[in-house]
Protein backbone atom coordinates (compact mmCIF):
# COMPACT_ATOMS: atom_id res chain seq x y z
CA MET A 1 15.06 -13.20 -8.40
CA LYS A 2 12.33 -13.02 -5.76
CA LYS A 3 9.03 -11.33 -6.54
CA ILE A 4 7.15 -8.27 -5.25
CA LEU A 5 3.72 -8.61 -3.64
CA VAL A 6 1.14 -5.82 -3.99
CA VAL A 7 -1.79 -5.72 -1.54
CA GLU A 8 -5.07 -4.08 -2.58
CA THR A 9 -8.39 -3.51 -0.79
CA ASN A 10 -11.64 -5.38 -1.38
CA VAL A 11 -13.83 -2.70 0.25
CA CYS A 12 -16.15 -0.94 -2.19
CA LYS A 13 -17.95 1.63 -0.02
CA TYR A 14 -17.74 3.59 3.21
CA ALA A 15 -19.15 1.59 6.11
CA LYS A 16 -21.78 4.13 7.19
CA SER A 17 -22.76 5.54 3.81
CA ASN A 18 -23.15 4.56 0.18
CA ARG A 19 -20.17 6.63 -0.91
CA ALA A 20 -18.05 4.45 -3.18
CA THR A 21 -14.40 3.73 -2.44
CA GLY A 22 -11.81 1.06 -3.16
CA LEU A 23 -8.31 1.00 -4.59
CA TRP A 24 -6.85 4.28 -5.82
CA LEU A 25 -5.86 3.02 -9.26
CA GLY A 26 -2.71 5.11 -9.72
CA GLU A 27 -1.18 3.79 -6.53
CA SER A 28 -0.97 0.31 -8.01
CA VAL A 29 -0.25 1.39 -11.58
CA HIS A 30 2.69 3.69 -10.84
CA PHE A 31 4.33 1.22 -8.48
CA PHE A 32 3.75 -1.73 -10.82
CA GLU A 33 5.23 0.05 -13.82
CA VAL A 34 8.44 1.01 -12.02
CA MET A 35 8.95 -2.48 -10.60
CA THR A 36 8.30 -4.31 -13.87
CA LYS A 37 10.56 -1.95 -15.82
CA ALA A 38 13.27 -2.75 -13.27
CA GLY A 39 12.84 -6.44 -14.07
CA TYR A 40 10.82 -7.62 -11.07
CA GLU A 41 7.81 -9.91 -11.27
CA VAL A 42 4.79 -8.54 -9.41
CA ASP A 43 1.86 -10.46 -7.90
CA PHE A 44 -1.37 -8.95 -6.58
CA MET A 45 -3.19 -10.02 -3.42
CA SER A 46 -6.24 -8.78 -1.52
CA PRO A 47 -7.73 -9.83 1.82
CA THR A 48 -10.44 -11.98 0.23
CA GLY A 49 -8.88 -12.44 -3.20
CA GLY A 50 -10.60 -11.97 -6.53
CA TYR A 51 -12.24 -8.68 -7.49
CA VAL A 52 -10.76 -5.36 -6.37
CA PRO A 53 -13.07 -2.30 -6.62
CA ILE A 54 -11.60 0.99 -7.83
CA ASP A 55 -12.41 4.27 -6.14
CA PRO A 56 -14.34 6.20 -8.82
CA TYR A 57 -12.64 9.42 -7.75
CA SER A 58 -9.35 7.97 -8.92
CA PHE A 59 -10.66 8.00 -12.48
CA LYS A 60 -11.35 11.72 -12.17
CA TYR A 61 -7.64 12.29 -11.57
CA ALA A 62 -6.33 9.46 -13.75
CA SER A 63 -3.32 10.13 -15.96
CA ASP A 64 -2.78 8.75 -19.45
CA LYS A 65 -0.57 6.11 -17.82
CA ASP A 66 -3.39 5.08 -15.48
CA TRP A 67 -5.81 4.69 -18.39
CA LYS A 68 -3.26 2.75 -20.42
CA TRP A 69 -2.85 0.10 -17.73
CA TYR A 70 -6.54 0.06 -16.89
CA ALA A 71 -7.22 -0.84 -20.53
CA ASP A 72 -4.59 -3.60 -20.48
CA LYS A 73 -6.46 -6.91 -20.26
CA LYS A 74 -3.60 -8.80 -18.63
CA PHE A 75 -3.22 -6.10 -15.97
CA GLN A 76 -6.98 -6.07 -15.36
CA ASP A 77 -7.01 -9.81 -14.89
CA ARG A 78 -4.04 -10.00 -12.50
CA ALA A 79 -4.42 -6.75 -10.58
CA LEU A 80 -8.16 -6.11 -10.48
CA ALA A 81 -10.26 -9.14 -11.35
CA ASN A 82 -8.37 -12.16 -10.00
CA THR A 83 -6.09 -11.10 -7.18
CA LYS A 84 -4.61 -13.87 -5.05
CA LYS A 85 -6.04 -14.85 -1.68
CA PRO A 86 -3.61 -14.82 1.26
CA ASP A 87 -3.70 -18.60 1.48
CA GLU A 88 -2.52 -18.79 -2.14
CA VAL A 89 0.63 -16.82 -1.32
CA ASN A 90 3.96 -18.22 -0.08
CA PRO A 91 5.74 -15.33 1.69
CA ASP A 92 9.11 -16.96 1.04
CA ASP A 93 8.71 -16.18 -2.67
CA TYR A 94 8.81 -12.41 -2.09
CA ILE A 95 11.48 -9.85 -1.30
CA ALA A 96 9.02 -7.01 -0.65
CA ILE A 97 5.37 -6.30 0.05
CA TYR A 98 3.63 -3.09 -1.00
CA TYR A 99 0.34 -1.89 0.47
CA ALA A 100 -1.52 0.23 -2.08
CA GLY A 101 -4.00 2.76 -0.79
CA GLY A 102 -7.46 4.06 -1.42
CA HIS A 103 -9.83 4.72 1.46
CA GLY A 104 -11.13 1.14 1.35
CA ALA A 105 -7.88 0.00 2.94
CA VAL A 106 -8.73 1.56 6.30
CA TRP A 107 -11.48 -1.01 6.74
CA ASP A 108 -9.84 -4.26 5.65
CA PHE A 109 -6.05 -3.87 6.09
CA PRO A 110 -5.33 -3.09 9.76
CA ASN A 111 -6.76 -6.15 11.51
CA ASP A 112 -6.36 -8.85 8.87
CA LYS A 113 -4.25 -11.55 10.54
CA ASN A 114 -3.51 -13.31 7.26
CA LEU A 115 -2.03 -10.17 5.70
CA GLN A 116 -0.04 -9.55 8.87
CA LYS A 117 1.52 -13.01 8.89
CA ILE A 118 2.61 -12.67 5.27
CA ALA A 119 4.11 -9.21 5.77
CA GLU A 120 5.91 -10.21 8.96
CA ARG A 121 7.36 -13.32 7.32
CA ILE A 122 8.67 -11.28 4.38
CA TYR A 123 10.25 -8.81 6.80
CA PHE A 124 11.75 -11.54 9.01
CA ASN A 125 13.28 -13.05 5.86
CA GLY A 126 15.15 -9.80 5.25
CA GLY A 127 12.59 -8.30 2.87
CA PHE A 128 11.01 -4.87 2.68
CA ILE A 129 7.65 -3.56 3.82
CA THR A 130 6.43 -0.63 1.73
CA SER A 131 3.23 1.36 1.38
CA VAL A 132 1.65 4.50 0.04
CA CYS A 133 -1.17 6.75 1.24
CA HIS A 134 -3.83 4.82 3.23
CA GLY A 135 -1.96 1.62 2.50
CA VAL A 136 0.23 2.40 5.51
CA VAL A 137 -2.61 1.25 7.78
CA GLY A 138 -1.52 -2.27 6.87
CA LEU A 139 1.56 -1.62 9.02
CA LEU A 140 -0.33 -0.52 12.13
CA ASN A 141 -0.43 -3.88 13.90
CA LEU A 142 2.64 -5.63 12.50
CA LYS A 143 4.98 -7.02 15.15
CA ASP A 144 8.70 -7.65 15.25
CA LYS A 145 10.24 -10.93 16.45
CA CYS A 146 10.04 -9.74 20.05
CA GLY A 147 6.33 -9.00 19.79
CA ASN A 148 6.74 -5.22 19.69
CA LEU A 149 4.95 -3.03 17.18
CA LEU A 150 7.14 -2.88 14.09
CA ILE A 151 6.59 0.82 13.40
CA LYS A 152 7.25 1.95 16.97
CA GLU A 153 9.95 4.63 16.86
CA LYS A 154 10.22 4.19 13.06
CA GLU A 155 9.92 7.20 10.76
CA VAL A 156 6.90 6.70 8.53
CA THR A 157 4.41 8.71 6.51
CA GLY A 158 0.93 8.24 5.08
CA PHE A 159 -2.21 10.16 4.22
CA SER A 160 -2.38 13.20 6.47
CA ASP A 161 -5.28 14.72 8.40
CA THR A 162 -4.92 17.81 6.22
CA GLU A 163 -5.40 15.71 3.10
CA GLU A 164 -8.47 14.05 4.63
CA LEU A 165 -9.88 17.51 5.31
CA PHE A 166 -9.21 18.74 1.79
CA GLY A 167 -10.76 15.56 0.37
CA ASN A 168 -13.91 15.98 2.48
CA THR A 169 -13.34 12.59 4.08
CA LYS A 170 -12.30 13.62 7.58
CA GLY A 171 -14.83 12.15 10.00
CA LYS A 172 -16.14 9.74 7.36
CA VAL A 173 -13.40 7.18 7.90
CA PRO A 174 -13.24 5.08 11.08
CA PHE A 175 -9.98 6.64 12.24
CA SER A 176 -7.27 9.12 11.36
CA THR A 177 -4.38 7.42 9.58
CA GLU A 178 -1.99 10.07 10.86
CA GLY A 179 -3.38 9.75 14.39
CA GLU A 180 -3.16 5.96 14.52
CA LEU A 181 0.43 5.97 13.32
CA LEU A 182 1.26 8.34 16.16
CA ASN A 183 -0.73 6.20 18.61
CA ARG A 184 1.45 3.23 17.66
CA GLY A 185 4.57 5.19 18.60
CA ALA A 186 5.71 5.86 15.04
CA ARG A 187 7.59 9.05 14.20
CA TYR A 188 5.09 10.35 11.68
CA THR A 189 6.27 13.01 9.24
CA LYS A 190 4.53 14.71 6.33
CA ARG A 191 4.93 17.43 3.74
CA ARG A 192 2.53 19.80 1.99
CA ALA A 193 -0.75 18.15 1.03
CA PHE A 194 -0.81 16.23 -2.25
CA THR A 195 2.88 16.67 -3.02
CA GLU A 196 5.41 13.88 -3.44
CA TYR A 197 6.97 12.65 -0.23
CA ALA A 198 8.40 9.25 0.67
CA ILE A 199 10.83 8.15 3.37
CA SER A 200 12.68 5.01 4.43
CA ASP A 201 13.65 3.74 7.85
CA GLY A 202 15.58 0.52 7.62
CA ARG A 203 13.57 -1.89 5.51
CA ILE A 204 10.35 0.13 5.79
CA ILE A 205 9.52 2.55 2.95
CA THR A 206 6.36 4.68 3.05
CA GLY A 207 4.82 7.37 0.85
CA GLN A 208 2.37 10.07 1.89
CA ASN A 209 -0.12 10.05 -1.01
CA VAL A 210 -0.75 8.92 -4.58
CA GLN A 211 1.78 11.48 -5.81
CA SER A 212 4.40 9.46 -3.93
CA SER A 213 3.74 6.00 -5.42
CA LYS A 214 6.47 6.21 -8.04
CA LYS A 215 9.00 7.51 -5.52
CA VAL A 216 8.29 4.61 -3.15
CA ALA A 217 8.90 2.20 -6.02
CA ASN A 218 12.13 3.89 -7.07
CA MET A 219 13.39 3.87 -3.49
CA LEU A 220 12.61 0.17 -3.21
CA VAL A 221 14.43 -0.60 -6.47
CA GLU A 222 17.46 1.32 -5.21
CA GLU A 223 17.52 -0.73 -1.99
CA LEU A 224 17.07 -4.02 -3.83
CA ARG A 225 19.94 -3.17 -6.17
CA LYS A 226 22.21 -2.77 -3.14
CA ILE A 227 21.34 -6.28 -1.99
CA GLU A 228 21.87 -7.73 -5.44
CA ALA A 229 25.19 -5.96 -6.05
């Protein structure tokens, strides 16, 4: 059985201020738990490898499940302290890649060529590209085999402008996630702020916000079961 690759941010603060950011913990935890319960092995990667900072705001909203995994030493080591570097990853070992969010992702996901090559190879091999919340920015510049943007004319979702406004982050990030998806020709859809919403279009599965992490994982498991049947 091939593995699942989770991508997390290495960015610890907003570029033009000292406001802390990083991975939104629940977006990795909820996805990881579903995938491991379904029997899949999960690896963690970040653009520079090693330490992954956690957005402190994610602790404010952390569930008992989030705290349980955060206290798990093996999870801490694999998912937060010693993530793999891109050059330590063989894309052929994976059936899916999942981009976790947190505002840090908007700085280091979109233009990272190493991440792009890995994701594209997984997709070209018949695998799935999945994301939640700001993690969808990792899809912005992916290309298909013809050199066209992968998300062009695909139905996708991700953190909305309304959610940025409610979170007091609109104008503090370098771009609008919703706006850039639309600029790439994607068919962006969303639901009410901070409610569960995830959609699939072919082998692309995206979730709007942290509330959607588990649903993205369950949708991926359902698709993988079809392949394995």
